[in-house]
Amino acid sequence: MRSIKSLLIGIMLLSVLPTTAQQAFKQLMRETSQEFFQSDEARRIGDQLLLYQRVTGGWPKNIDMAKPLSDKEREKIAADKHKHNDSTTDNDATTLQIYFLSRLYQATKDVRYRDAFRQGVAYLLSGQYENGGWPQFWPVMRDYQIHITYNDDAMTNTMILLRDIAAQKEPYQGDLTDDQLRQQMTKAFNKGIECILNTQIVTDGELTVWCQQHDRETLLPAHARAFELPSYCTMESAMLTRLLMELPNPDERVKKAVHAAMRWFDKYKLTGYKVERTGRPGSADQNTKLVKDTLAPPMWARFYDLELCEPFVCDRDGVPRRHLEQIGAERRNGYAWYTDRPISLYKRYQKWAKKYAPNNRVDISLETKGANENGTIEWFRQPTKHTSDYDAVVKPGDNIQQAIEKAPAVPKKPYKILIRKGTYQQKVIIDRPNIVLVGEDRDSTILTLAEASKKKLISKYHGKDVGNGVIALQEVRGKARLPRCNSPLNIQQ
């Protein structure tokens, strides 16, 4: 007998670069040493950045562009130069290359680096929507890439870069740009601020914070990856709030936006817990969990649901949960579910409010109890399951297999099936990827089956062999689905 809460079969996505390698490359791109930029090594790296730059003017992400290249690798990169579907500002792509090239040009005066810098800036300007927002990929986009993207500070980083270049801050001084280009960047920055103000979520008539991504047409919170649901998102909202506080001579609308965001951060901070990470990254014993700690500083969940404004986590099945241990190790350990980023805003806000809005300053404190301790929220409340969130619903007397049969042969996104409370004496055969079975209740949604290994109830399904067990996973084209896709089967509680 098995009690199921959720069954996930999906494809885990792997970055081109391991996390440590990404960090090392980004650190190199942020180098400031004048001596380094006068070296042959800096020129070698700069020349490779020119090679990686697409005809769009942008760069792809998650690639160590400083790694020495073989002739064969250079040929492959040159052949990819005309790609239009991988230029992006995601994961600091394009903005970091522009920064590096600006310093390299200032040190060498090699016009090739200035030209590539200008092409990169032109790429950034070309991606802005009329409403002031930026997507994360362009000119060719797919799925959620079309949304206005604050996720991982993509749009914020773009705006800060354009602002600093337009102001000719070091290292953007001199002939890197001209008056006309700087005017274009200033205009783009101001439009971006308008977009930020227009997308701030309004709940019950009150301004709050922002989602990771907003629909480019309606400006409402939008889905991104399966585990990134429409929500209040603290990490990105903290950066947006800081950007607004950096505006000189803010108008009343900006002031209201900042006050509201700080009020929200203070109201929904979490106290009495800390995030604990154990085990070596990538090892079987790696784990991330919340532990009680009365001395820990405040923190915030990355996501708060739009219904109750309560924290949640999510796996690649797209089903929100309250506890970290309820999602698989890959997402549990591979994503920043909690953050302390808003802490840095508290002192900054006090100085900002004293200067610009002393009579409307919001009373906030890092010393007061958080929303989870003062009764504002119920942190670990079981999320409500809405049938509209599922592709199919199975109730006692229905056949789970028939619900699976209604799914596309290769679903492009998780196909979620809600199984109502009850006992189901059925064998379930998963013969396609991206199928998610979600039990309505942990203890009363039960799949049970008695089957001996030598007396299978079903030995063939659609002409293919079927394994033992209440839930059987079929092979596809002779390849075992789970190991080949690097996708563990999770029975989560």
Protein backbone atom coordinates (compact mmCIF):
# COMPACT_ATOMS: atom_id res chain seq x y z
CA MET A 1 0.00 0.00 0.00
CA ARG A 2 1.25 3.47 -0.77
CA SER A 3 -0.08 6.79 0.44
CA ILE A 4 0.89 9.45 -2.04
CA LYS A 5 1.11 13.17 -1.73
CA SER A 6 2.75 13.84 -5.04
CA LEU A 7 4.45 11.90 -7.76
CA LEU A 8 6.74 13.79 -10.10
CA ILE A 9 8.20 12.63 -13.34
CA GLY A 10 10.05 15.44 -15.08
CA ILE A 11 13.22 16.42 -16.79
CA MET A 12 15.74 18.15 -14.55
CA LEU A 13 17.47 21.01 -16.28
CA LEU A 14 21.22 21.30 -16.01
CA SER A 15 23.21 24.49 -16.44
CA VAL A 16 26.04 24.55 -18.92
CA LEU A 17 28.35 25.60 -16.09
CA PRO A 18 28.46 24.22 -12.55
CA THR A 19 27.63 26.88 -9.96
CA THR A 20 31.23 27.32 -8.80
CA ALA A 21 32.45 27.81 -12.37
CA GLN A 22 29.72 30.37 -13.02
CA GLN A 23 30.76 32.31 -9.95
CA ALA A 24 34.43 32.28 -10.99
CA PHE A 25 33.61 33.57 -14.49
CA LYS A 26 31.34 36.33 -13.13
CA GLN A 27 34.02 37.39 -10.68
CA LEU A 28 36.49 37.67 -13.55
CA MET A 29 34.02 39.74 -15.59
CA ARG A 30 33.80 42.17 -12.63
CA GLU A 31 37.59 42.65 -12.43
CA THR A 32 38.66 46.26 -11.85
CA SER A 33 42.47 46.09 -11.78
CA GLN A 34 44.02 48.49 -14.30
CA GLU A 35 47.12 46.31 -14.37
CA PHE A 36 45.07 43.27 -15.35
CA PHE A 37 43.34 45.06 -18.24
CA GLN A 38 46.71 46.02 -19.67
CA SER A 39 47.78 42.38 -19.75
CA ASP A 40 47.81 39.96 -22.67
CA GLU A 41 45.46 37.71 -20.70
CA ALA A 42 42.81 40.41 -20.56
CA ARG A 43 43.10 40.90 -24.34
CA ARG A 44 42.81 37.16 -24.90
CA ILE A 45 39.61 37.06 -22.88
CA GLY A 46 38.31 40.19 -24.60
CA ASP A 47 38.92 38.65 -28.02
CA GLN A 48 36.96 35.59 -26.97
CA LEU A 49 34.08 37.78 -25.83
CA LEU A 50 34.03 39.26 -29.33
CA LEU A 51 33.89 35.75 -30.73
CA TYR A 52 30.98 34.75 -28.48
CA GLN A 53 28.98 37.93 -29.17
CA ARG A 54 25.98 37.20 -31.39
CA VAL A 55 24.99 39.27 -34.39
CA THR A 56 22.17 40.54 -32.17
CA GLY A 57 24.77 42.35 -30.07
CA GLY A 58 24.00 40.19 -27.02
CA TRP A 59 25.61 37.13 -25.48
CA PRO A 60 24.33 33.70 -24.34
CA LYS A 61 24.42 32.69 -20.67
CA ASN A 62 26.13 30.08 -18.49
CA ILE A 63 29.27 29.77 -20.60
CA ASP A 64 32.84 30.25 -19.37
CA MET A 65 33.95 32.61 -22.11
CA ALA A 66 37.39 33.03 -20.53
CA LYS A 67 38.35 29.38 -20.93
CA PRO A 68 41.08 28.92 -23.60
CA LEU A 69 39.60 27.57 -26.82
CA SER A 70 40.79 24.98 -29.29
CA ASP A 71 40.54 25.61 -33.04
CA LYS A 72 37.58 23.24 -33.23
CA GLU A 73 35.79 25.10 -30.43
CA ARG A 74 36.42 28.42 -32.18
CA GLU A 75 34.86 27.07 -35.35
CA LYS A 76 31.78 25.94 -33.45
CA ILE A 77 31.38 29.31 -31.69
CA ALA A 78 31.82 31.20 -34.96
CA ALA A 79 29.11 29.03 -36.52
CA ASP A 80 26.75 29.97 -33.67
CA LYS A 81 27.32 33.70 -34.13
CA HIS A 82 24.14 34.14 -36.18
CA LYS A 83 21.88 32.59 -33.55
CA HIS A 84 18.98 34.85 -32.58
CA ASN A 85 17.43 32.70 -29.83
CA ASP A 86 20.05 32.65 -27.07
CA SER A 87 20.97 36.31 -26.50
CA THR A 88 19.88 37.18 -22.97
CA THR A 89 20.32 39.23 -19.82
CA ASP A 90 19.49 36.23 -17.64
CA ASN A 91 22.15 35.18 -15.11
CA ASP A 92 24.05 38.46 -15.72
CA ALA A 93 24.69 37.64 -19.37
CA THR A 94 25.40 40.59 -21.72
CA THR A 95 25.59 43.16 -18.91
CA LEU A 96 28.80 41.61 -17.53
CA GLN A 97 30.40 41.36 -20.96
CA ILE A 98 29.59 45.02 -21.63
CA TYR A 99 31.20 46.01 -18.33
CA PHE A 100 34.36 43.99 -19.02
CA LEU A 101 34.74 45.41 -22.52
CA SER A 102 34.36 48.97 -21.25
CA ARG A 103 37.31 48.51 -18.91
CA LEU A 104 39.33 46.74 -21.57
CA TYR A 105 38.76 49.59 -24.02
CA GLN A 106 39.74 52.22 -21.43
CA ALA A 107 43.00 50.35 -20.84
CA THR A 108 43.86 49.55 -24.49
CA LYS A 109 41.92 52.03 -26.68
CA ASP A 110 41.37 49.13 -29.09
CA VAL A 111 38.29 50.22 -31.05
CA ARG A 112 37.19 46.61 -31.53
CA TYR A 113 36.26 46.49 -27.86
CA ARG A 114 34.47 49.85 -28.05
CA ASP A 115 32.50 48.70 -31.09
CA ALA A 116 31.46 45.47 -29.35
CA PHE A 117 30.51 47.50 -26.26
CA ARG A 118 28.28 49.75 -28.37
CA GLN A 119 26.68 46.77 -30.08
CA GLY A 120 25.91 45.34 -26.66
CA VAL A 121 24.29 48.60 -25.55
CA ALA A 122 22.26 48.72 -28.77
CA TYR A 123 21.10 45.18 -28.03
CA LEU A 124 19.85 46.22 -24.58
CA LEU A 125 17.98 49.21 -26.00
CA SER A 126 16.41 47.07 -28.72
CA GLY A 127 14.75 44.73 -26.22
CA GLN A 128 12.68 47.27 -24.30
CA TYR A 129 8.92 47.05 -24.68
CA GLU A 130 6.89 50.20 -25.28
CA ASN A 131 5.61 49.89 -21.68
CA GLY A 132 9.19 50.15 -20.42
CA GLY A 133 9.77 46.51 -19.50
CA TRP A 134 12.36 44.06 -20.77
CA PRO A 135 12.02 40.32 -21.39
CA GLN A 136 14.94 38.05 -20.50
CA PHE A 137 15.59 36.75 -24.03
CA TRP A 138 15.23 38.51 -27.38
CA PRO A 139 14.83 38.90 -30.31
CA VAL A 140 13.56 35.29 -30.50
CA MET A 141 11.54 34.29 -27.41
CA ARG A 142 9.49 31.33 -26.26
CA ASP A 143 7.13 30.53 -23.42
CA TYR A 144 7.73 32.65 -20.32
CA GLN A 145 10.73 34.44 -21.86
CA ILE A 146 8.36 37.06 -23.27
CA HIS A 147 7.35 38.31 -19.81
CA ILE A 148 8.69 41.45 -18.20
CA THR A 149 11.48 39.85 -16.19
CA TYR A 150 12.64 41.00 -12.77
CA ASN A 151 13.77 37.45 -11.95
CA ASP A 152 17.41 37.27 -10.81
CA ASP A 153 17.51 41.06 -11.27
CA ALA A 154 17.67 40.77 -15.07
CA MET A 155 15.77 43.98 -15.82
CA THR A 156 17.20 45.82 -12.80
CA ASN A 157 20.78 45.05 -13.86
CA THR A 158 20.01 46.29 -17.37
CA MET A 159 18.59 49.55 -16.03
CA ILE A 160 21.47 50.17 -13.63
CA LEU A 161 23.97 49.60 -16.43
CA LEU A 162 22.18 52.00 -18.79
CA ARG A 163 21.89 54.59 -16.00
CA ASP A 164 25.58 54.44 -15.17
CA ILE A 165 26.71 54.55 -18.80
CA ALA A 166 24.45 57.52 -19.50
CA ALA A 167 25.94 59.32 -16.48
CA GLN A 168 29.45 58.43 -17.74
CA LYS A 169 30.36 56.88 -14.42
CA GLU A 170 33.72 55.15 -14.32
CA PRO A 171 34.55 53.10 -16.43
CA TYR A 172 32.06 54.52 -18.97
CA GLN A 173 33.66 57.92 -19.46
CA GLY A 174 35.28 59.29 -22.60
CA ASP A 175 34.35 58.34 -26.14
CA LEU A 176 32.66 55.03 -25.33
CA THR A 177 29.36 56.77 -26.06
CA ASP A 178 28.10 60.01 -27.59
CA ASP A 179 25.39 62.44 -26.53
CA GLN A 180 22.73 60.85 -28.71
CA LEU A 181 23.30 57.37 -27.31
CA ARG A 182 23.35 58.66 -23.74
CA GLN A 183 20.02 60.40 -24.32
CA GLN A 184 18.56 57.14 -25.61
CA MET A 185 19.76 55.32 -22.49
CA THR A 186 18.33 57.95 -20.17
CA LYS A 187 14.97 57.73 -21.93
CA ALA A 188 15.02 53.94 -21.68
CA PHE A 189 15.86 54.11 -17.97
CA ASN A 190 12.98 56.49 -17.26
CA LYS A 191 10.57 54.23 -19.16
CA GLY A 192 11.82 51.33 -17.08
CA ILE A 193 10.99 53.20 -13.87
CA GLU A 194 7.46 53.76 -15.17
CA CYS A 195 7.15 50.03 -15.81
CA ILE A 196 8.32 49.23 -12.29
CA LEU A 197 5.74 51.58 -10.81
CA ASN A 198 2.99 50.21 -13.06
CA THR A 199 3.70 46.59 -12.15
CA GLN A 200 3.79 46.99 -8.37
CA ILE A 201 1.09 44.60 -7.15
CA VAL A 202 -2.03 46.24 -5.70
CA THR A 203 -3.95 44.15 -3.15
CA ASP A 204 -7.18 45.42 -1.61
CA GLY A 205 -6.33 48.88 -2.83
CA GLU A 206 -2.85 48.88 -1.27
CA LEU A 207 0.52 48.85 -3.02
CA THR A 208 2.69 45.86 -2.04
CA VAL A 209 5.75 44.47 -3.87
CA TRP A 210 6.43 42.71 -7.19
CA CYS A 211 6.40 39.29 -8.83
CA GLN A 212 9.47 37.79 -10.52
CA GLN A 213 7.83 38.34 -13.89
CA HIS A 214 4.82 40.25 -15.15
CA ASP A 215 2.69 39.75 -18.24
CA ARG A 216 3.87 42.15 -20.95
CA GLU A 217 0.26 42.99 -21.92
CA THR A 218 -1.72 43.02 -18.66
CA LEU A 219 1.27 43.76 -16.37
CA LEU A 220 -0.13 41.19 -13.91
CA PRO A 221 2.03 38.59 -12.10
CA ALA A 222 2.86 35.72 -14.46
CA HIS A 223 4.20 32.15 -14.46
CA ALA A 224 7.80 31.41 -15.40
CA ARG A 225 9.39 28.02 -14.84
CA ALA A 226 7.16 25.34 -13.34
CA PHE A 227 8.33 26.12 -9.80
CA GLU A 228 8.12 29.92 -10.25
CA LEU A 229 4.45 30.72 -9.75
CA PRO A 230 2.71 34.11 -9.75
CA SER A 231 3.42 35.44 -6.27
CA TYR A 232 4.89 38.19 -4.14
CA CYS A 233 8.64 37.80 -4.67
CA THR A 234 10.93 39.31 -2.04
CA MET A 235 14.41 38.88 -3.48
CA GLU A 236 13.70 40.73 -6.70
CA SER A 237 11.40 43.23 -4.97
CA ALA A 238 14.20 44.25 -2.61
CA MET A 239 16.40 45.17 -5.58
CA LEU A 240 13.58 47.10 -7.25
CA THR A 241 12.91 49.02 -4.04
CA ARG A 242 16.58 49.90 -3.72
CA LEU A 243 16.65 51.14 -7.31
CA LEU A 244 13.67 53.41 -6.60
CA MET A 245 15.42 54.77 -3.50
CA GLU A 246 18.45 55.65 -5.64
CA LEU A 247 16.44 58.03 -7.81
CA PRO A 248 17.37 61.68 -7.30
CA ASN A 249 14.44 63.93 -6.40
CA PRO A 250 11.77 61.18 -6.35
CA ASP A 251 8.23 62.28 -7.14
CA GLU A 252 5.21 61.45 -4.99
CA ARG A 253 4.45 58.27 -6.88
CA VAL A 254 7.95 56.91 -6.29
CA LYS A 255 7.73 57.84 -2.62
CA LYS A 256 4.44 55.99 -2.23
CA ALA A 257 5.91 52.93 -3.94
CA VAL A 258 8.92 52.86 -1.61
CA HIS A 259 6.87 53.41 1.56
CA ALA A 260 4.45 50.64 0.55
CA ALA A 261 7.19 48.16 -0.27
CA MET A 262 8.98 48.76 3.04
CA ARG A 263 5.71 48.43 4.93
CA TRP A 264 5.10 45.09 3.20
CA PHE A 265 8.65 43.81 3.88
CA ASP A 266 8.31 44.64 7.56
CA LYS A 267 4.86 43.11 7.88
CA TYR A 268 5.83 39.81 6.26
CA LYS A 269 9.32 39.21 7.63
CA LEU A 270 9.88 35.81 9.26
CA THR A 271 11.60 35.33 12.61
CA GLY A 272 12.76 32.51 14.85
CA TYR A 273 14.16 30.38 12.02
CA LYS A 274 17.27 30.11 9.89
CA VAL A 275 18.23 28.15 6.78
CA GLU A 276 20.72 25.36 7.43
CA ARG A 277 22.71 23.74 4.62
CA THR A 278 24.58 20.52 5.22
CA GLY A 279 26.62 18.08 3.15
CA ARG A 280 28.87 18.71 0.18
CA PRO A 281 27.13 20.42 -2.77
CA GLY A 282 26.10 17.81 -5.32
CA SER A 283 26.58 14.88 -2.95
CA ALA A 284 23.88 12.46 -1.84
CA ASP A 285 23.97 13.83 1.71
CA GLN A 286 23.47 17.46 0.72
CA ASN A 287 20.41 18.96 2.36
CA THR A 288 18.73 22.28 3.03
CA LYS A 289 16.27 22.76 5.85
CA LEU A 290 14.72 25.31 8.16
CA VAL A 291 15.73 25.09 11.82
CA LYS A 292 14.45 27.04 14.79
CA ASP A 293 16.79 29.74 16.04
CA THR A 294 15.50 32.50 18.32
CA LEU A 295 18.67 34.53 17.77
CA ALA A 296 18.59 34.42 13.96
CA PRO A 297 18.04 37.70 12.12
CA PRO A 298 14.81 38.13 10.15
CA MET A 299 14.46 36.48 6.78
CA TRP A 300 11.88 36.36 4.02
CA ALA A 301 10.54 33.56 1.86
CA ARG A 302 11.36 34.00 -1.82
CA PHE A 303 7.67 33.48 -2.67
CA TYR A 304 4.45 34.41 -0.86
CA ASP A 305 1.19 33.22 -2.42
CA LEU A 306 -1.20 35.79 -3.82
CA GLU A 307 -4.20 34.38 -1.95
CA LEU A 308 -3.10 34.43 1.70
CA CYS A 309 0.32 36.10 1.42
CA GLU A 310 1.95 33.06 3.04
CA PRO A 311 5.33 31.50 2.15
CA PHE A 312 5.55 28.51 -0.15
CA VAL A 313 8.12 26.39 -1.95
CA CYS A 314 7.60 24.46 -5.17
CA ASP A 315 9.08 21.61 -7.16
CA ARG A 316 9.21 21.14 -10.93
CA ASP A 317 5.69 19.71 -10.76
CA GLY A 318 4.33 23.21 -10.20
CA VAL A 319 2.52 22.26 -6.98
CA PRO A 320 3.07 24.75 -4.10
CA ARG A 321 4.01 23.33 -0.70
CA ARG A 322 4.80 24.84 2.69
CA HIS A 323 7.72 22.69 3.84
CA LEU A 324 11.14 22.39 2.24
CA GLU A 325 11.23 18.67 2.96
CA GLN A 326 8.13 18.24 0.79
CA ILE A 327 10.05 18.99 -2.41
CA GLY A 328 12.78 16.93 -4.03
CA ALA A 329 16.46 17.36 -3.27
CA GLU A 330 17.25 18.87 -6.68
CA ARG A 331 15.04 21.93 -6.17
CA ARG A 332 15.36 21.99 -2.38
CA ASN A 333 19.13 22.38 -2.58
CA GLY A 334 19.36 24.11 -5.94
CA TYR A 335 17.28 27.24 -5.42
CA ALA A 336 17.28 30.22 -3.04
CA TRP A 337 13.94 29.74 -1.27
CA TYR A 338 14.67 32.21 1.53
CA THR A 339 16.56 35.49 1.57
CA ASP A 340 17.80 38.21 3.91
CA ARG A 341 18.22 40.76 1.13
CA PRO A 342 15.54 43.17 2.46
CA ILE A 343 17.60 43.64 5.66
CA SER A 344 19.97 45.93 3.76
CA LEU A 345 17.05 48.22 2.93
CA TYR A 346 16.17 49.15 6.52
CA LYS A 347 18.98 51.63 7.27
CA ARG A 348 18.90 52.87 3.69
CA TYR A 349 15.19 53.53 3.99
CA GLN A 350 15.58 55.48 7.24
CA LYS A 351 18.08 57.84 5.58
CA TRP A 352 15.98 58.07 2.41
CA ALA A 353 12.75 58.82 4.30
CA LYS A 354 14.44 61.42 6.50
CA LYS A 355 15.63 63.23 3.37
CA TYR A 356 12.63 62.90 1.08
CA ALA A 357 9.55 62.06 3.13
CA PRO A 358 10.05 62.66 6.88
CA ASN A 359 6.34 63.09 7.56
CA ASN A 360 5.32 59.83 5.89
CA ARG A 361 8.06 57.54 7.13
CA VAL A 362 6.86 54.01 7.82
CA ASP A 363 7.55 52.61 11.28
CA ILE A 364 9.66 49.51 10.67
CA SER A 365 12.07 47.47 12.76
CA LEU A 366 14.23 44.39 12.44
CA GLU A 367 13.77 43.77 16.17
CA THR A 368 10.02 43.07 16.21
CA LYS A 369 8.49 39.63 15.79
CA GLY A 370 7.81 38.42 12.28
CA ALA A 371 4.51 37.59 10.62
CA ASN A 372 4.85 33.93 11.60
CA GLU A 373 5.20 34.78 15.30
CA ASN A 374 2.74 37.64 15.68
CA GLY A 375 -0.25 35.89 14.08
CA THR A 376 -0.26 37.73 10.76
CA ILE A 377 0.17 34.50 8.80
CA GLU A 378 0.02 30.74 9.28
CA TRP A 379 3.36 29.79 7.77
CA PHE A 380 2.82 26.06 7.41
CA ARG A 381 -0.86 26.06 6.49
CA GLN A 382 -1.70 23.34 3.97
CA PRO A 383 -2.18 25.03 0.56
CA THR A 384 -5.69 24.91 -0.84
CA LYS A 385 -6.03 22.73 -3.92
CA HIS A 386 -8.11 24.42 -6.60
CA THR A 387 -9.38 22.16 -9.38
CA SER A 388 -8.65 24.94 -11.87
CA ASP A 389 -4.95 24.42 -11.16
CA TYR A 390 -5.08 20.87 -12.54
CA ASP A 391 -5.40 19.38 -16.00
CA ALA A 392 -7.53 16.48 -14.78
CA VAL A 393 -9.31 15.45 -11.58
CA VAL A 394 -9.86 11.82 -10.53
CA LYS A 395 -12.41 10.83 -7.88
CA PRO A 396 -13.18 7.43 -6.34
CA GLY A 397 -14.66 5.18 -9.00
CA ASP A 398 -12.67 6.86 -11.78
CA ASN A 399 -9.71 5.30 -13.53
CA ILE A 400 -6.40 7.08 -13.03
CA GLN A 401 -5.00 5.50 -16.19
CA GLN A 402 -7.71 7.11 -18.30
CA ALA A 403 -6.71 10.52 -16.95
CA ILE A 404 -3.10 9.86 -17.95
CA GLU A 405 -4.24 8.82 -21.42
CA LYS A 406 -5.76 12.27 -21.92
CA ALA A 407 -2.35 13.91 -21.51
CA PRO A 408 -0.30 14.77 -24.62
CA ALA A 409 2.20 12.10 -25.65
CA VAL A 410 5.00 14.51 -24.73
CA PRO A 411 3.60 17.26 -22.47
CA LYS A 412 5.59 20.49 -22.79
CA LYS A 413 4.78 21.38 -19.19
CA PRO A 414 3.78 19.31 -16.14
CA TYR A 415 0.42 17.62 -16.72
CA LYS A 416 -1.09 17.69 -13.24
CA ILE A 417 -3.74 15.19 -12.12
CA LEU A 418 -5.49 15.74 -8.80
CA ILE A 419 -6.56 12.51 -7.10
CA ARG A 420 -9.39 13.00 -4.65
CA LYS A 421 -9.50 11.31 -1.22
CA GLY A 422 -10.18 7.60 -1.44
CA THR A 423 -8.61 4.19 -1.91
CA TYR A 424 -7.73 3.26 -5.47
CA GLN A 425 -7.01 -0.40 -6.14
CA GLN A 426 -5.42 0.23 -9.49
CA LYS A 427 -2.16 -0.23 -11.29
CA VAL A 428 -0.90 3.03 -12.74
CA ILE A 429 1.40 3.01 -15.76
CA ILE A 430 3.37 6.13 -16.56
CA ASP A 431 4.18 5.94 -20.26
CA ARG A 432 5.04 9.58 -20.97
CA PRO A 433 7.09 12.35 -19.32
CA ASN A 434 5.90 15.30 -17.25
CA ILE A 435 3.03 13.47 -15.52
CA VAL A 436 2.28 14.68 -11.98
CA LEU A 437 -0.07 12.84 -9.63
CA VAL A 438 -1.15 14.91 -6.63
CA GLY A 439 -3.07 13.36 -3.75
CA GLU A 440 -5.78 15.53 -2.18
CA ASP A 441 -4.73 14.36 1.27
CA ARG A 442 -1.60 12.61 2.48
CA ASP A 443 -3.28 10.01 4.66
CA SER A 444 -6.54 9.39 2.82
CA THR A 445 -5.47 9.32 -0.82
CA ILE A 446 -4.24 5.76 -1.20
CA LEU A 447 -3.10 3.70 -4.15
CA THR A 448 -2.94 0.02 -3.35
CA LEU A 449 -2.30 -3.10 -5.37
CA ALA A 450 -1.32 -6.69 -4.60
CA GLU A 451 0.81 -8.06 -7.43
CA ALA A 452 3.31 -10.90 -7.40
CA SER A 453 6.37 -10.56 -9.62
CA LYS A 454 5.49 -13.78 -11.46
CA LYS A 455 1.81 -12.92 -11.80
CA LYS A 456 1.58 -9.46 -13.26
CA LEU A 457 -1.90 -8.07 -13.63
CA ILE A 458 -0.73 -6.18 -16.73
CA SER A 459 2.35 -7.34 -18.59
CA LYS A 460 2.01 -5.21 -21.73
CA TYR A 461 0.73 -1.68 -22.28
CA HIS A 462 0.59 -0.15 -25.74
CA GLY A 463 2.79 -3.03 -26.86
CA LYS A 464 5.52 -2.35 -24.33
CA ASP A 465 6.61 -4.27 -21.25
CA VAL A 466 5.21 -3.18 -17.89
CA GLY A 467 7.10 -3.53 -14.62
CA ASN A 468 5.86 -4.54 -11.19
CA GLY A 469 4.36 -2.26 -8.59
CA VAL A 470 1.36 -0.06 -8.07
CA ILE A 471 3.06 2.61 -10.20
CA ALA A 472 5.03 1.32 -13.16
CA LEU A 473 7.32 3.41 -15.35
CA GLN A 474 7.58 2.33 -18.94
CA GLU A 475 10.71 2.56 -21.02
CA VAL A 476 10.77 4.73 -24.10
CA ARG A 477 12.61 3.52 -27.20
CA GLY A 478 14.48 1.01 -25.11
CA LYS A 479 15.87 3.65 -22.74
CA ALA A 480 14.87 3.79 -19.11
CA ARG A 481 13.13 7.11 -18.64
CA LEU A 482 14.32 8.11 -15.19
CA PRO A 483 18.07 7.42 -15.33
CA ARG A 484 18.39 8.77 -18.86
CA CYS A 485 16.57 11.99 -17.96
CA ASN A 486 18.32 12.34 -14.62
CA SER A 487 14.86 12.63 -13.08
CA PRO A 488 14.31 10.96 -9.71
CA LEU A 489 10.89 9.65 -8.76
CA ASN A 490 9.68 11.50 -5.67
CA ILE A 491 6.92 10.27 -3.38
CA GLN A 492 6.58 13.35 -1.23
CA GLN A 493 4.80 13.82 2.06
